[in-house]
């Protein structure tokens, strides 16, 4: 089925403005949002700015964040492929709150630079 010119143009604009595209496809990002009560929410997206706005508006955001505002975006990082982003998100979501905060502090201070150090609990080879 042929694609209309409008749909193609809209997709091209969206891809050019919201996604960083590598040779393997869009670059996925991990992000962490903090609620007014101090709870942490971890997610992944190809466009963190758009996704955070969706969370704040409550219309397309995660149910876990609805009514928990104001929200603060406390961390974001480019991860790479969708698979890598899902793996990192799963590892972080499994962590207890104090461990998540330590992980966030290490990243905020720039103490993590090696790709292997992105995944908590993974030993360096």
PDB file of N, CA and C in Angstrom:
ATOM      1  N   UNK A   1       0.846  -1.166   0.000  1.00  0.00           N
ATOM      2  CA  UNK A   1       0.000   0.000   0.000  1.00  0.00           C
ATOM      3  C   UNK A   1       0.894   1.232   0.000  1.00  0.00           C
ATOM      4  N   UNK A   2       0.722   2.166  -0.947  1.00  0.00           N
ATOM      5  CA  UNK A   2       1.583   3.335  -1.007  1.00  0.00           C
ATOM      6  C   UNK A   2       1.321   4.274   0.162  1.00  0.00           C
ATOM      7  N   UNK A   3       2.394   4.927   0.593  1.00  0.00           N
ATOM      8  CA  UNK A   3       2.303   5.876   1.699  1.00  0.00           C
ATOM      9  C   UNK A   3       2.036   7.259   1.148  1.00  0.00           C
ATOM     10  N   UNK A   4       1.151   7.989   1.785  1.00  0.00           N
ATOM     11  CA  UNK A   4       0.859   9.339   1.319  1.00  0.00           C
ATOM     12  C   UNK A   4       2.053  10.248   1.581  1.00  0.00           C
ATOM     13  N   UNK A   5       2.146  11.309   0.803  1.00  0.00           N
ATOM     14  CA  UNK A   5       3.251  12.242   0.962  1.00  0.00           C
ATOM     15  C   UNK A   5       3.209  12.921   2.324  1.00  0.00           C
ATOM     16  N   UNK A   6       2.010  13.220   2.812  1.00  0.00           N
ATOM     17  CA  UNK A   6       1.865  13.865   4.116  1.00  0.00           C
ATOM     18  C   UNK A   6       2.387  12.959   5.226  1.00  0.00           C
ATOM     19  N   UNK A   7       2.036  11.687   5.155  1.00  0.00           N
ATOM     20  CA  UNK A   7       2.498  10.753   6.184  1.00  0.00           C
ATOM     21  C   UNK A   7       4.013  10.616   6.146  1.00  0.00           C
ATOM     22  N   UNK A   8       4.572  10.547   4.953  1.00  0.00           N
ATOM     23  CA  UNK A   8       6.016  10.443   4.822  1.00  0.00           C
ATOM     24  C   UNK A   8       6.695  11.691   5.353  1.00  0.00           C
ATOM     25  N   UNK A   9       6.179  12.864   5.025  1.00  0.00           N
ATOM     26  CA  UNK A   9       6.757  14.120   5.500  1.00  0.00           C
ATOM     27  C   UNK A   9       6.661  14.220   7.013  1.00  0.00           C
ATOM     28  N   UNK A  10       5.508  13.847   7.566  1.00  0.00           N
ATOM     29  CA  UNK A  10       5.334  13.903   9.015  1.00  0.00           C
ATOM     30  C   UNK A  10       6.322  12.962   9.698  1.00  0.00           C
ATOM     31  N   UNK A  11       6.489  11.762   9.158  1.00  0.00           N
ATOM     32  CA  UNK A  11       7.429  10.807   9.729  1.00  0.00           C
ATOM     33  C   UNK A  11       8.859  11.342   9.616  1.00  0.00           C
ATOM     34  N   UNK A  12       9.194  11.925   8.468  1.00  0.00           N
ATOM     35  CA  UNK A  12      10.539  12.467   8.278  1.00  0.00           C
ATOM     36  C   UNK A  12      10.812  13.580   9.272  1.00  0.00           C
ATOM     37  N   UNK A  13       9.841  14.453   9.476  1.00  0.00           N
ATOM     38  CA  UNK A  13      10.010  15.536  10.443  1.00  0.00           C
ATOM     39  C   UNK A  13      10.173  14.971  11.846  1.00  0.00           C
ATOM     40  N   UNK A  14       9.340  13.998  12.175  1.00  0.00           N
ATOM     41  CA  UNK A  14       9.409  13.419  13.511  1.00  0.00           C
ATOM     42  C   UNK A  14      10.763  12.755  13.737  1.00  0.00           C
ATOM     43  N   UNK A  15      11.200  11.973  12.766  1.00  0.00           N
ATOM     44  CA  UNK A  15      12.474  11.280  12.898  1.00  0.00           C
ATOM     45  C   UNK A  15      13.629  12.266  13.007  1.00  0.00           C
ATOM     46  N   UNK A  16      13.569  13.323  12.237  1.00  0.00           N
ATOM     47  CA  UNK A  16      14.652  14.286  12.236  1.00  0.00           C
ATOM     48  C   UNK A  16      14.687  15.094  13.524  1.00  0.00           C
ATOM     49  N   UNK A  17      13.544  15.334  14.136  1.00  0.00           N
ATOM     50  CA  UNK A  17      13.530  16.196  15.309  1.00  0.00           C
ATOM     51  C   UNK A  17      13.548  15.448  16.626  1.00  0.00           C
ATOM     52  N   UNK A  18      13.001  14.229  16.667  1.00  0.00           N
ATOM     53  CA  UNK A  18      12.876  13.577  17.959  1.00  0.00           C
ATOM     54  C   UNK A  18      13.793  12.372  18.144  1.00  0.00           C
ATOM     55  N   UNK A  19      14.310  11.783  17.103  1.00  0.00           N
ATOM     56  CA  UNK A  19      15.133  10.594  17.233  1.00  0.00           C
ATOM     57  C   UNK A  19      16.537  10.867  16.765  1.00  0.00           C
ATOM     58  N   UNK A  20      17.494  10.346  17.488  1.00  0.00           N
ATOM     59  CA  UNK A  20      18.844  10.263  16.961  1.00  0.00           C
ATOM     60  C   UNK A  20      18.928   8.892  16.324  1.00  0.00           C
ATOM     61  N   UNK A  21      19.259   8.846  15.076  1.00  0.00           N
ATOM     62  CA  UNK A  21      19.245   7.584  14.351  1.00  0.00           C
ATOM     63  C   UNK A  21      20.670   7.120  14.088  1.00  0.00           C
ATOM     64  N   UNK A  22      20.938   5.878  14.449  1.00  0.00           N
ATOM     65  CA  UNK A  22      22.225   5.279  14.134  1.00  0.00           C
ATOM     66  C   UNK A  22      22.015   4.333  12.955  1.00  0.00           C
ATOM     67  N   UNK A  23      23.043   3.632  12.573  1.00  0.00           N
ATOM     68  CA  UNK A  23      22.912   2.688  11.466  1.00  0.00           C
ATOM     69  C   UNK A  23      21.971   1.540  11.808  1.00  0.00           C
ATOM     70  N   UNK A  24      21.830   1.213  13.090  1.00  0.00           N
ATOM     71  CA  UNK A  24      20.962   0.118  13.506  1.00  0.00           C
ATOM     72  C   UNK A  24      19.533   0.583  13.792  1.00  0.00           C
ATOM     73  N   UNK A  25      19.249   1.865  13.720  1.00  0.00           N
ATOM     74  CA  UNK A  25      17.911   2.375  14.017  1.00  0.00           C
ATOM     75  C   UNK A  25      17.994   3.501  15.031  1.00  0.00           C
ATOM     76  N   UNK A  26      16.857   3.855  15.635  1.00  0.00           N
ATOM     77  CA  UNK A  26      16.847   4.960  16.587  1.00  0.00           C
ATOM     78  C   UNK A  26      17.651   4.629  17.844  1.00  0.00           C
ATOM     79  N   UNK A  27      18.216   5.649  18.451  1.00  0.00           N
ATOM     80  CA  UNK A  27      18.962   5.478  19.692  1.00  0.00           C
ATOM     81  C   UNK A  27      17.982   5.566  20.855  1.00  0.00           C
ATOM     82  N   UNK A  28      17.998   4.570  21.703  1.00  0.00           N
ATOM     83  CA  UNK A  28      17.107   4.521  22.857  1.00  0.00           C
ATOM     84  C   UNK A  28      17.807   5.122  24.067  1.00  0.00           C
ATOM     85  N   UNK A  29      17.004   5.765  24.912  1.00  0.00           N
ATOM     86  CA  UNK A  29      17.517   6.419  26.111  1.00  0.00           C
ATOM     87  C   UNK A  29      16.833   5.839  27.345  1.00  0.00           C
ATOM     88  N   UNK A  30      17.573   5.794  28.431  1.00  0.00           N
ATOM     89  CA  UNK A  30      17.022   5.443  29.729  1.00  0.00           C
ATOM     90  C   UNK A  30      16.803   6.754  30.471  1.00  0.00           C
ATOM     91  N   UNK A  31      15.689   6.863  31.200  1.00  0.00           N
ATOM     92  CA  UNK A  31      15.456   8.062  31.992  1.00  0.00           C
ATOM     93  C   UNK A  31      14.870   7.691  33.345  1.00  0.00           C
ATOM     94  N   UNK A  32      15.088   8.568  34.333  1.00  0.00           N
ATOM     95  CA  UNK A  32      14.548   8.366  35.674  1.00  0.00           C
ATOM     96  C   UNK A  32      13.805   9.636  36.066  1.00  0.00           C
ATOM     97  N   UNK A  33      12.571   9.454  36.518  1.00  0.00           N
ATOM     98  CA  UNK A  33      11.713  10.557  36.945  1.00  0.00           C
ATOM     99  C   UNK A  33      11.489  10.418  38.449  1.00  0.00           C
ATOM    100  N   UNK A  34      11.537  11.546  39.157  1.00  0.00           N
ATOM    101  CA  UNK A  34      11.255  11.547  40.592  1.00  0.00           C
ATOM    102  C   UNK A  34       9.930  12.253  40.835  1.00  0.00           C
ATOM    103  N   UNK A  35       9.070  11.657  41.668  1.00  0.00           N
ATOM    104  CA  UNK A  35       7.779  12.245  41.992  1.00  0.00           C
ATOM    105  C   UNK A  35       7.947  13.233  43.152  1.00  0.00           C
ATOM    106  N   UNK A  36       6.887  13.966  43.451  1.00  0.00           N
ATOM    107  CA  UNK A  36       6.910  14.924  44.552  1.00  0.00           C
ATOM    108  C   UNK A  36       7.177  14.219  45.879  1.00  0.00           C
ATOM    109  N   UNK A  37       6.736  12.977  46.014  1.00  0.00           N
ATOM    110  CA  UNK A  37       6.935  12.217  47.248  1.00  0.00           C
ATOM    111  C   UNK A  37       8.322  11.568  47.319  1.00  0.00           C
ATOM    112  N   UNK A  38       9.106  11.673  46.251  1.00  0.00           N
ATOM    113  CA  UNK A  38      10.450  11.116  46.242  1.00  0.00           C
ATOM    114  C   UNK A  38      10.566   9.742  45.619  1.00  0.00           C
ATOM    115  N   UNK A  39       9.468   9.193  45.101  1.00  0.00           N
ATOM    116  CA  UNK A  39       9.529   7.891  44.435  1.00  0.00           C
ATOM    117  C   UNK A  39      10.226   8.036  43.087  1.00  0.00           C
ATOM    118  N   UNK A  40      10.923   6.987  42.673  1.00  0.00           N
ATOM    119  CA  UNK A  40      11.649   6.999  41.405  1.00  0.00           C
ATOM    120  C   UNK A  40      10.942   6.102  40.394  1.00  0.00           C
ATOM    121  N   UNK A  41      10.818   6.588  39.167  1.00  0.00           N
ATOM    122  CA  UNK A  41      10.234   5.838  38.059  1.00  0.00           C
ATOM    123  C   UNK A  41      11.285   5.754  36.962  1.00  0.00           C
ATOM    124  N   UNK A  42      11.532   4.568  36.448  1.00  0.00           N
ATOM    125  CA  UNK A  42      12.517   4.356  35.392  1.00  0.00           C
ATOM    126  C   UNK A  42      11.800   3.958  34.111  1.00  0.00           C
ATOM    127  N   UNK A  43      12.214   4.538  32.980  1.00  0.00           N
ATOM    128  CA  UNK A  43      11.617   4.206  31.701  1.00  0.00           C
ATOM    129  C   UNK A  43      12.621   4.344  30.575  1.00  0.00           C
ATOM    130  N   UNK A  44      12.202   3.958  29.365  1.00  0.00           N
ATOM    131  CA  UNK A  44      13.037   4.101  28.176  1.00  0.00           C
ATOM    132  C   UNK A  44      12.218   4.763  27.084  1.00  0.00           C
ATOM    133  N   UNK A  45      12.906   5.474  26.200  1.00  0.00           N
ATOM    134  CA  UNK A  45      12.238   6.155  25.093  1.00  0.00           C
ATOM    135  C   UNK A  45      13.275   6.563  24.064  1.00  0.00           C
ATOM    136  N   UNK A  46      12.813   6.816  22.849  1.00  0.00           N
ATOM    137  CA  UNK A  46      13.703   7.378  21.830  1.00  0.00           C
ATOM    138  C   UNK A  46      13.697   8.899  21.908  1.00  0.00           C
ATOM    139  N   UNK A  47      12.730   9.473  22.601  1.00  0.00           N
ATOM    140  CA  UNK A  47      12.618  10.923  22.748  1.00  0.00           C
ATOM    141  C   UNK A  47      12.218  11.233  24.189  1.00  0.00           C
ATOM    142  N   UNK A  48      13.199  11.467  25.032  1.00  0.00           N
ATOM    143  CA  UNK A  48      12.953  11.659  26.461  1.00  0.00           C
ATOM    144  C   UNK A  48      12.141  12.925  26.722  1.00  0.00           C
ATOM    145  N   UNK A  49      12.399  13.994  25.990  1.00  0.00           N
ATOM    146  CA  UNK A  49      11.663  15.240  26.189  1.00  0.00           C
ATOM    147  C   UNK A  49      10.171  15.040  25.948  1.00  0.00           C
ATOM    148  N   UNK A  50       9.834  14.384  24.845  1.00  0.00           N
ATOM    149  CA  UNK A  50       8.430  14.112  24.541  1.00  0.00           C
ATOM    150  C   UNK A  50       7.804  13.206  25.585  1.00  0.00           C
ATOM    151  N   UNK A  51       8.519  12.157  25.974  1.00  0.00           N
ATOM    152  CA  UNK A  51       7.974  11.194  26.933  1.00  0.00           C
ATOM    153  C   UNK A  51       7.767  11.834  28.299  1.00  0.00           C
ATOM    154  N   UNK A  52       8.707  12.671  28.729  1.00  0.00           N
ATOM    155  CA  UNK A  52       8.559  13.351  30.024  1.00  0.00           C
ATOM    156  C   UNK A  52       7.353  14.290  29.993  1.00  0.00           C
ATOM    157  N   UNK A  53       7.163  14.983  28.872  1.00  0.00           N
ATOM    158  CA  UNK A  53       5.985  15.861  28.732  1.00  0.00           C
ATOM    159  C   UNK A  53       4.699  15.040  28.816  1.00  0.00           C
ATOM    160  N   UNK A  54       4.700  13.845  28.230  1.00  0.00           N
ATOM    161  CA  UNK A  54       3.524  12.968  28.326  1.00  0.00           C
ATOM    162  C   UNK A  54       3.263  12.552  29.773  1.00  0.00           C
ATOM    163  N   UNK A  55       4.327  12.242  30.504  1.00  0.00           N
ATOM    164  CA  UNK A  55       4.166  11.893  31.920  1.00  0.00           C
ATOM    165  C   UNK A  55       3.585  13.069  32.699  1.00  0.00           C
ATOM    166  N   UNK A  56       4.094  14.258  32.433  1.00  0.00           N
ATOM    167  CA  UNK A  56       3.635  15.448  33.163  1.00  0.00           C
ATOM    168  C   UNK A  56       2.178  15.783  32.847  1.00  0.00           C
ATOM    169  N   UNK A  57       1.761  15.586  31.604  1.00  0.00           N
ATOM    170  CA  UNK A  57       0.389  15.908  31.220  1.00  0.00           C
ATOM    171  C   UNK A  57      -0.600  14.875  31.746  1.00  0.00           C
ATOM    172  N   UNK A  58      -0.139  13.652  31.969  1.00  0.00           N
ATOM    173  CA  UNK A  58      -0.990  12.606  32.506  1.00  0.00           C
ATOM    174  C   UNK A  58      -1.848  11.900  31.477  1.00  0.00           C
ATOM    175  N   UNK A  59      -1.872  12.384  30.235  1.00  0.00           N
ATOM    176  CA  UNK A  59      -2.740  11.766  29.225  1.00  0.00           C
ATOM    177  C   UNK A  59      -2.162  10.463  28.694  1.00  0.00           C
ATOM    178  N   UNK A  60      -0.902  10.459  28.292  1.00  0.00           N
ATOM    179  CA  UNK A  60      -0.278   9.248  27.749  1.00  0.00           C
ATOM    180  C   UNK A  60       0.856   8.766  28.638  1.00  0.00           C
ATOM    181  N   UNK A  61       0.988   9.364  29.804  1.00  0.00           N
ATOM    182  CA  UNK A  61       2.059   8.975  30.710  1.00  0.00           C
ATOM    183  C   UNK A  61       1.744   7.687  31.448  1.00  0.00           C
ATOM    184  N   UNK A  62       2.716   7.182  32.172  1.00  0.00           N
ATOM    185  CA  UNK A  62       2.547   5.954  32.941  1.00  0.00           C
ATOM    186  C   UNK A  62       1.525   6.159  34.057  1.00  0.00           C
ATOM    187  N   UNK A  63       0.713   5.161  34.288  1.00  0.00           N
ATOM    188  CA  UNK A  63      -0.289   5.250  35.363  1.00  0.00           C
ATOM    189  C   UNK A  63       0.356   5.459  36.718  1.00  0.00           C
ATOM    190  N   UNK A  64       1.542   4.892  36.890  1.00  0.00           N
ATOM    191  CA  UNK A  64       2.235   5.005  38.172  1.00  0.00           C
ATOM    192  C   UNK A  64       2.567   6.457  38.520  1.00  0.00           C
ATOM    193  N   UNK A  65       2.602   7.328  37.517  1.00  0.00           N
ATOM    194  CA  UNK A  65       2.974   8.726  37.754  1.00  0.00           C
ATOM    195  C   UNK A  65       1.786   9.682  37.779  1.00  0.00           C
ATOM    196  N   UNK A  66       0.609   9.207  37.420  1.00  0.00           N
ATOM    197  CA  UNK A  66      -0.558  10.087  37.373  1.00  0.00           C
ATOM    198  C   UNK A  66      -0.930  10.555  38.775  1.00  0.00           C
ATOM    199  N   UNK A  67      -1.065  11.874  38.918  1.00  0.00           N
ATOM    200  CA  UNK A  67      -1.435  12.457  40.200  1.00  0.00           C
ATOM    201  C   UNK A  67      -0.301  12.512  41.204  1.00  0.00           C
ATOM    202  N   UNK A  68       0.911  12.224  40.765  1.00  0.00           N
ATOM    203  CA  UNK A  68       2.066  12.204  41.671  1.00  0.00           C
ATOM    204  C   UNK A  68       2.968  13.419  41.501  1.00  0.00           C
ATOM    205  N   UNK A  69       2.525  14.409  40.717  1.00  0.00           N
ATOM    206  CA  UNK A  69       3.349  15.562  40.371  1.00  0.00           C
ATOM    207  C   UNK A  69       3.508  16.538  41.510  1.00  0.00           C
ATOM    208  N   UNK A  70       4.380  17.514  41.342  1.00  0.00           N
ATOM    209  CA  UNK A  70       5.177  17.752  40.143  1.00  0.00           C
ATOM    210  C   UNK A  70       6.294  16.711  39.988  1.00  0.00           C
ATOM    211  N   UNK A  71       6.599  16.436  38.739  1.00  0.00           N
ATOM    212  CA  UNK A  71       7.615  15.446  38.405  1.00  0.00           C
ATOM    213  C   UNK A  71       8.918  16.137  38.029  1.00  0.00           C
ATOM    214  N   UNK A  72      10.031  15.459  38.309  1.00  0.00           N
ATOM    215  CA  UNK A  72      11.340  15.988  37.941  1.00  0.00           C
ATOM    216  C   UNK A  72      12.114  14.908  37.191  1.00  0.00           C
ATOM    217  N   UNK A  73      12.680  15.282  36.064  1.00  0.00           N
ATOM    218  CA  UNK A  73      13.536  14.371  35.306  1.00  0.00           C
ATOM    219  C   UNK A  73      14.917  14.441  35.946  1.00  0.00           C
ATOM    220  N   UNK A  74      15.318  13.375  36.639  1.00  0.00           N
ATOM    221  CA  UNK A  74      16.568  13.420  37.396  1.00  0.00           C
ATOM    222  C   UNK A  74      17.739  12.759  36.676  1.00  0.00           C
ATOM    223  N   UNK A  75      17.459  11.965  35.638  1.00  0.00           N
ATOM    224  CA  UNK A  75      18.560  11.323  34.914  1.00  0.00           C
ATOM    225  C   UNK A  75      18.088  10.906  33.532  1.00  0.00           C
ATOM    226  N   UNK A  76      18.986  11.038  32.562  1.00  0.00           N
ATOM    227  CA  UNK A  76      18.754  10.480  31.227  1.00  0.00           C
ATOM    228  C   UNK A  76      20.097  10.157  30.616  1.00  0.00           C
ATOM    229  N   UNK A  77      20.129   9.075  29.843  1.00  0.00           N
ATOM    230  CA  UNK A  77      21.364   8.695  29.158  1.00  0.00           C
ATOM    231  C   UNK A  77      21.039   7.906  27.908  1.00  0.00           C
ATOM    232  N   UNK A  78      21.816   8.142  26.875  1.00  0.00           N
ATOM    233  CA  UNK A  78      21.683   7.366  25.646  1.00  0.00           C
ATOM    234  C   UNK A  78      22.228   5.977  25.926  1.00  0.00           C
ATOM    235  N   UNK A  79      21.487   4.959  25.501  1.00  0.00           N
ATOM    236  CA  UNK A  79      21.889   3.584  25.770  1.00  0.00           C
ATOM    237  C   UNK A  79      22.294   2.882  24.487  1.00  0.00           C
ATOM    238  N   UNK A  80      21.525   3.050  23.428  1.00  0.00           N
ATOM    239  CA  UNK A  80      21.829   2.377  22.165  1.00  0.00           C
ATOM    240  C   UNK A  80      20.592   1.707  21.611  1.00  0.00           C
ATOM    241  N   UNK A  81      20.653   0.405  21.475  1.00  0.00           N
ATOM    242  CA  UNK A  81      19.533  -0.343  20.886  1.00  0.00           C
ATOM    243  C   UNK A  81      18.400  -0.519  21.889  1.00  0.00           C
ATOM    244  N   UNK A  82      17.243  -0.899  21.365  1.00  0.00           N
ATOM    245  CA  UNK A  82      16.077  -1.153  22.202  1.00  0.00           C
ATOM    246  C   UNK A  82      16.364  -2.286  23.192  1.00  0.00           C
ATOM    247  N   UNK A  83      17.051  -3.311  22.741  1.00  0.00           N
ATOM    248  CA  UNK A  83      17.389  -4.453  23.591  1.00  0.00           C
ATOM    249  C   UNK A  83      18.263  -4.018  24.758  1.00  0.00           C
ATOM    250  N   UNK A  84      19.293  -3.219  24.476  1.00  0.00           N
ATOM    251  CA  UNK A  84      20.179  -2.737  25.541  1.00  0.00           C
ATOM    252  C   UNK A  84      19.417  -1.870  26.532  1.00  0.00           C
ATOM    253  N   UNK A  85      18.527  -1.020  26.021  1.00  0.00           N
ATOM    254  CA  UNK A  85      17.744  -0.142  26.888  1.00  0.00           C
ATOM    255  C   UNK A  85      16.817  -0.947  27.792  1.00  0.00           C
ATOM    256  N   UNK A  86      16.150  -1.962  27.238  1.00  0.00           N
ATOM    257  CA  UNK A  86      15.275  -2.810  28.047  1.00  0.00           C
ATOM    258  C   UNK A  86      16.060  -3.545  29.132  1.00  0.00           C
ATOM    259  N   UNK A  87      17.231  -4.016  28.791  1.00  0.00           N
ATOM    260  CA  UNK A  87      18.064  -4.746  29.748  1.00  0.00           C
ATOM    261  C   UNK A  87      18.469  -3.839  30.908  1.00  0.00           C
ATOM    262  N   UNK A  88      18.925  -2.625  30.593  1.00  0.00           N
ATOM    263  CA  UNK A  88      19.331  -1.689  31.633  1.00  0.00           C
ATOM    264  C   UNK A  88      18.136  -1.261  32.483  1.00  0.00           C
ATOM    265  N   UNK A  89      17.001  -0.992  31.833  1.00  0.00           N
ATOM    266  CA  UNK A  89      15.789  -0.607  32.568  1.00  0.00           C
ATOM    267  C   UNK A  89      15.377  -1.714  33.542  1.00  0.00           C
ATOM    268  N   UNK A  90      15.400  -2.959  33.097  1.00  0.00           N
ATOM    269  CA  UNK A  90      15.026  -4.082  33.957  1.00  0.00           C
ATOM    270  C   UNK A  90      15.951  -4.182  35.165  1.00  0.00           C
ATOM    271  N   UNK A  91      17.256  -4.034  34.936  1.00  0.00           N
ATOM    272  CA  UNK A  91      18.220  -4.108  36.040  1.00  0.00           C
ATOM    273  C   UNK A  91      17.968  -3.006  37.067  1.00  0.00           C
ATOM    274  N   UNK A  92      17.705  -1.805  36.597  1.00  0.00           N
ATOM    275  CA  UNK A  92      17.495  -0.692  37.522  1.00  0.00           C
ATOM    276  C   UNK A  92      16.170  -0.846  38.264  1.00  0.00           C
ATOM    277  N   UNK A  93      15.134  -1.292  37.578  1.00  0.00           N
ATOM    278  CA  UNK A  93      13.831  -1.473  38.233  1.00  0.00           C
ATOM    279  C   UNK A  93      13.890  -2.551  39.311  1.00  0.00           C
ATOM    280  N   UNK A  94      14.793  -3.483  39.192  1.00  0.00           N
ATOM    281  CA  UNK A  94      14.943  -4.534  40.206  1.00  0.00           C
ATOM    282  C   UNK A  94      15.665  -4.045  41.458  1.00  0.00           C
ATOM    283  N   UNK A  95      16.326  -2.929  41.377  1.00  0.00           N
ATOM    284  CA  UNK A  95      17.104  -2.421  42.510  1.00  0.00           C
ATOM    285  C   UNK A  95      16.189  -1.828  43.576  1.00  0.00           C
ATOM    286  N   UNK A  96      16.603  -1.925  44.821  1.00  0.00           N
ATOM    287  CA  UNK A  96      15.897  -1.261  45.917  1.00  0.00           C
ATOM    288  C   UNK A  96      16.144   0.245  45.807  1.00  0.00           C
ATOM    289  N   UNK A  97      15.275   1.036  46.414  1.00  0.00           N
ATOM    290  CA  UNK A  97      15.375   2.494  46.303  1.00  0.00           C
ATOM    291  C   UNK A  97      16.741   3.044  46.721  1.00  0.00           C
ATOM    292  N   UNK A  98      17.332   2.616  47.850  1.00  0.00           N
ATOM    293  CA  UNK A  98      18.656   3.148  48.211  1.00  0.00           C
ATOM    294  C   UNK A  98      19.732   2.821  47.173  1.00  0.00           C
ATOM    295  N   UNK A  99      19.659   1.631  46.605  1.00  0.00           N
ATOM    296  CA  UNK A  99      20.633   1.242  45.574  1.00  0.00           C
ATOM    297  C   UNK A  99      20.444   2.080  44.315  1.00  0.00           C
ATOM    298  N   UNK A 100      19.181   2.378  43.950  1.00  0.00           N
ATOM    299  CA  UNK A 100      18.918   3.242  42.792  1.00  0.00           C
ATOM    300  C   UNK A 100      19.507   4.624  43.017  1.00  0.00           C
ATOM    301  N   UNK A 101      19.328   5.156  44.221  1.00  0.00           N
ATOM    302  CA  UNK A 101      19.860   6.496  44.512  1.00  0.00           C
ATOM    303  C   UNK A 101      21.385   6.508  44.464  1.00  0.00           C
ATOM    304  N   UNK A 102      22.033   5.440  44.938  1.00  0.00           N
ATOM    305  CA  UNK A 102      23.500   5.355  44.836  1.00  0.00           C
ATOM    306  C   UNK A 102      23.914   5.300  43.373  1.00  0.00           C
ATOM    307  N   UNK A 103      23.191   4.518  42.572  1.00  0.00           N
ATOM    308  CA  UNK A 103      23.484   4.411  41.143  1.00  0.00           C
ATOM    309  C   UNK A 103      23.338   5.774  40.473  1.00  0.00           C
ATOM    310  N   UNK A 104      22.269   6.503  40.816  1.00  0.00           N
ATOM    311  CA  UNK A 104      22.050   7.836  40.250  1.00  0.00           C
ATOM    312  C   UNK A 104      23.159   8.802  40.654  1.00  0.00           C
ATOM    313  N   UNK A 105      23.587   8.727  41.908  1.00  0.00           N
ATOM    314  CA  UNK A 105      24.660   9.601  42.392  1.00  0.00           C
ATOM    315  C   UNK A 105      25.957   9.338  41.643  1.00  0.00           C
ATOM    316  N   UNK A 106      26.288   8.063  41.443  1.00  0.00           N
ATOM    317  CA  UNK A 106      27.498   7.722  40.686  1.00  0.00           C
ATOM    318  C   UNK A 106      27.437   8.305  39.278  1.00  0.00           C
ATOM    319  N   UNK A 107      26.283   8.216  38.639  1.00  0.00           N
ATOM    320  CA  UNK A 107      26.145   8.741  37.282  1.00  0.00           C
ATOM    321  C   UNK A 107      26.161  10.264  37.267  1.00  0.00           C
ATOM    322  N   UNK A 108      25.575  10.896  38.262  1.00  0.00           N
ATOM    323  CA  UNK A 108      25.552  12.363  38.331  1.00  0.00           C
ATOM    324  C   UNK A 108      26.953  12.921  38.537  1.00  0.00           C
ATOM    325  N   UNK A 109      27.785  12.199  39.279  1.00  0.00           N
ATOM    326  CA  UNK A 109      29.149  12.657  39.535  1.00  0.00           C
ATOM    327  C   UNK A 109      30.111  12.270  38.420  1.00  0.00           C
ATOM    328  N   UNK A 110      29.619  11.529  37.439  1.00  0.00           N
ATOM    329  CA  UNK A 110      30.473  11.124  36.319  1.00  0.00           C
ATOM    330  C   UNK A 110      31.449  10.028  36.675  1.00  0.00           C
ATOM    331  N   UNK A 111      31.131   9.238  37.702  1.00  0.00           N
ATOM    332  CA  UNK A 111      32.029   8.175  38.128  1.00  0.00           C
ATOM    333  C   UNK A 111      31.898   6.917  37.278  1.00  0.00           C
ATOM    334  N   UNK A 112      30.933   6.909  36.373  1.00  0.00           N
ATOM    335  CA  UNK A 112      30.719   5.753  35.516  1.00  0.00           C
ATOM    336  C   UNK A 112      30.995   6.178  34.082  1.00  0.00           C
ATOM    337  N   UNK A 113      31.997   5.581  33.466  1.00  0.00           N
ATOM    338  CA  UNK A 113      32.322   5.951  32.105  1.00  0.00           C
ATOM    339  C   UNK A 113      32.397   4.755  31.174  1.00  0.00           C
ATOM    340  N   UNK A 114      32.630   3.595  31.734  1.00  0.00           N
ATOM    341  CA  UNK A 114      32.783   2.377  30.958  1.00  0.00           C
ATOM    342  C   UNK A 114      31.410   1.804  30.615  1.00  0.00           C
ATOM    343  N   UNK A 115      31.245   1.303  29.424  1.00  0.00           N
ATOM    344  CA  UNK A 115      29.968   0.731  29.000  1.00  0.00           C
ATOM    345  C   UNK A 115      29.556  -0.413  29.921  1.00  0.00           C
ATOM    346  N   UNK A 116      30.520  -1.239  30.372  1.00  0.00           N
ATOM    347  CA  UNK A 116      30.201  -2.358  31.260  1.00  0.00           C
ATOM    348  C   UNK A 116      29.646  -1.876  32.597  1.00  0.00           C
ATOM    349  N   UNK A 117      29.966  -0.675  32.996  1.00  0.00           N
ATOM    350  CA  UNK A 117      29.518  -0.147  34.279  1.00  0.00           C
ATOM    351  C   UNK A 117      28.094   0.380  34.224  1.00  0.00           C
ATOM    352  N   UNK A 118      27.484   0.434  33.015  1.00  0.00           N
ATOM    353  CA  UNK A 118      26.114   0.901  32.920  1.00  0.00           C
ATOM    354  C   UNK A 118      25.156  -0.047  33.613  1.00  0.00           C
ATOM    355  N   UNK A 119      25.452  -1.335  33.544  1.00  0.00           N
ATOM    356  CA  UNK A 119      24.564  -2.327  34.134  1.00  0.00           C
ATOM    357  C   UNK A 119      24.964  -2.578  35.582  1.00  0.00           C
ATOM    358  N   UNK A 120      24.054  -2.305  36.525  1.00  0.00           N
ATOM    359  CA  UNK A 120      24.366  -2.561  37.921  1.00  0.00           C
ATOM    360  C   UNK A 120      24.509  -4.064  38.162  1.00  0.00           C
ATOM    361  N   UNK A 121      25.441  -4.411  39.025  1.00  0.00           N
ATOM    362  CA  UNK A 121      25.609  -5.819  39.383  1.00  0.00           C
ATOM    363  C   UNK A 121      26.423  -6.623  38.385  1.00  0.00           C
ATOM    364  N   UNK A 122      26.840  -6.022  37.277  1.00  0.00           N
ATOM    365  CA  UNK A 122      27.638  -6.736  36.282  1.00  0.00           C
ATOM    366  C   UNK A 122      29.114  -6.539  36.622  1.00  0.00           C
ATOM    367  N   UNK A 123      29.828  -7.615  36.721  1.00  0.00           N
ATOM    368  CA  UNK A 123      31.248  -7.539  37.018  1.00  0.00           C
ATOM    369  C   UNK A 123      32.018  -7.155  35.778  1.00  0.00           C
ATOM    370  N   UNK A 124      33.080  -6.386  36.005  1.00  0.00           N
ATOM    371  CA  UNK A 124      33.957  -6.032  34.894  1.00  0.00           C
ATOM    372  C   UNK A 124      34.751  -7.249  34.474  1.00  0.00           C
ATOM    373  N   UNK A 125      34.992  -7.342  33.180  1.00  0.00           N
ATOM    374  CA  UNK A 125      35.777  -8.475  32.668  1.00  0.00           C
ATOM    375  C   UNK A 125      37.207  -8.056  32.499  1.00  0.00           C
TER     376      UNK A 125
END
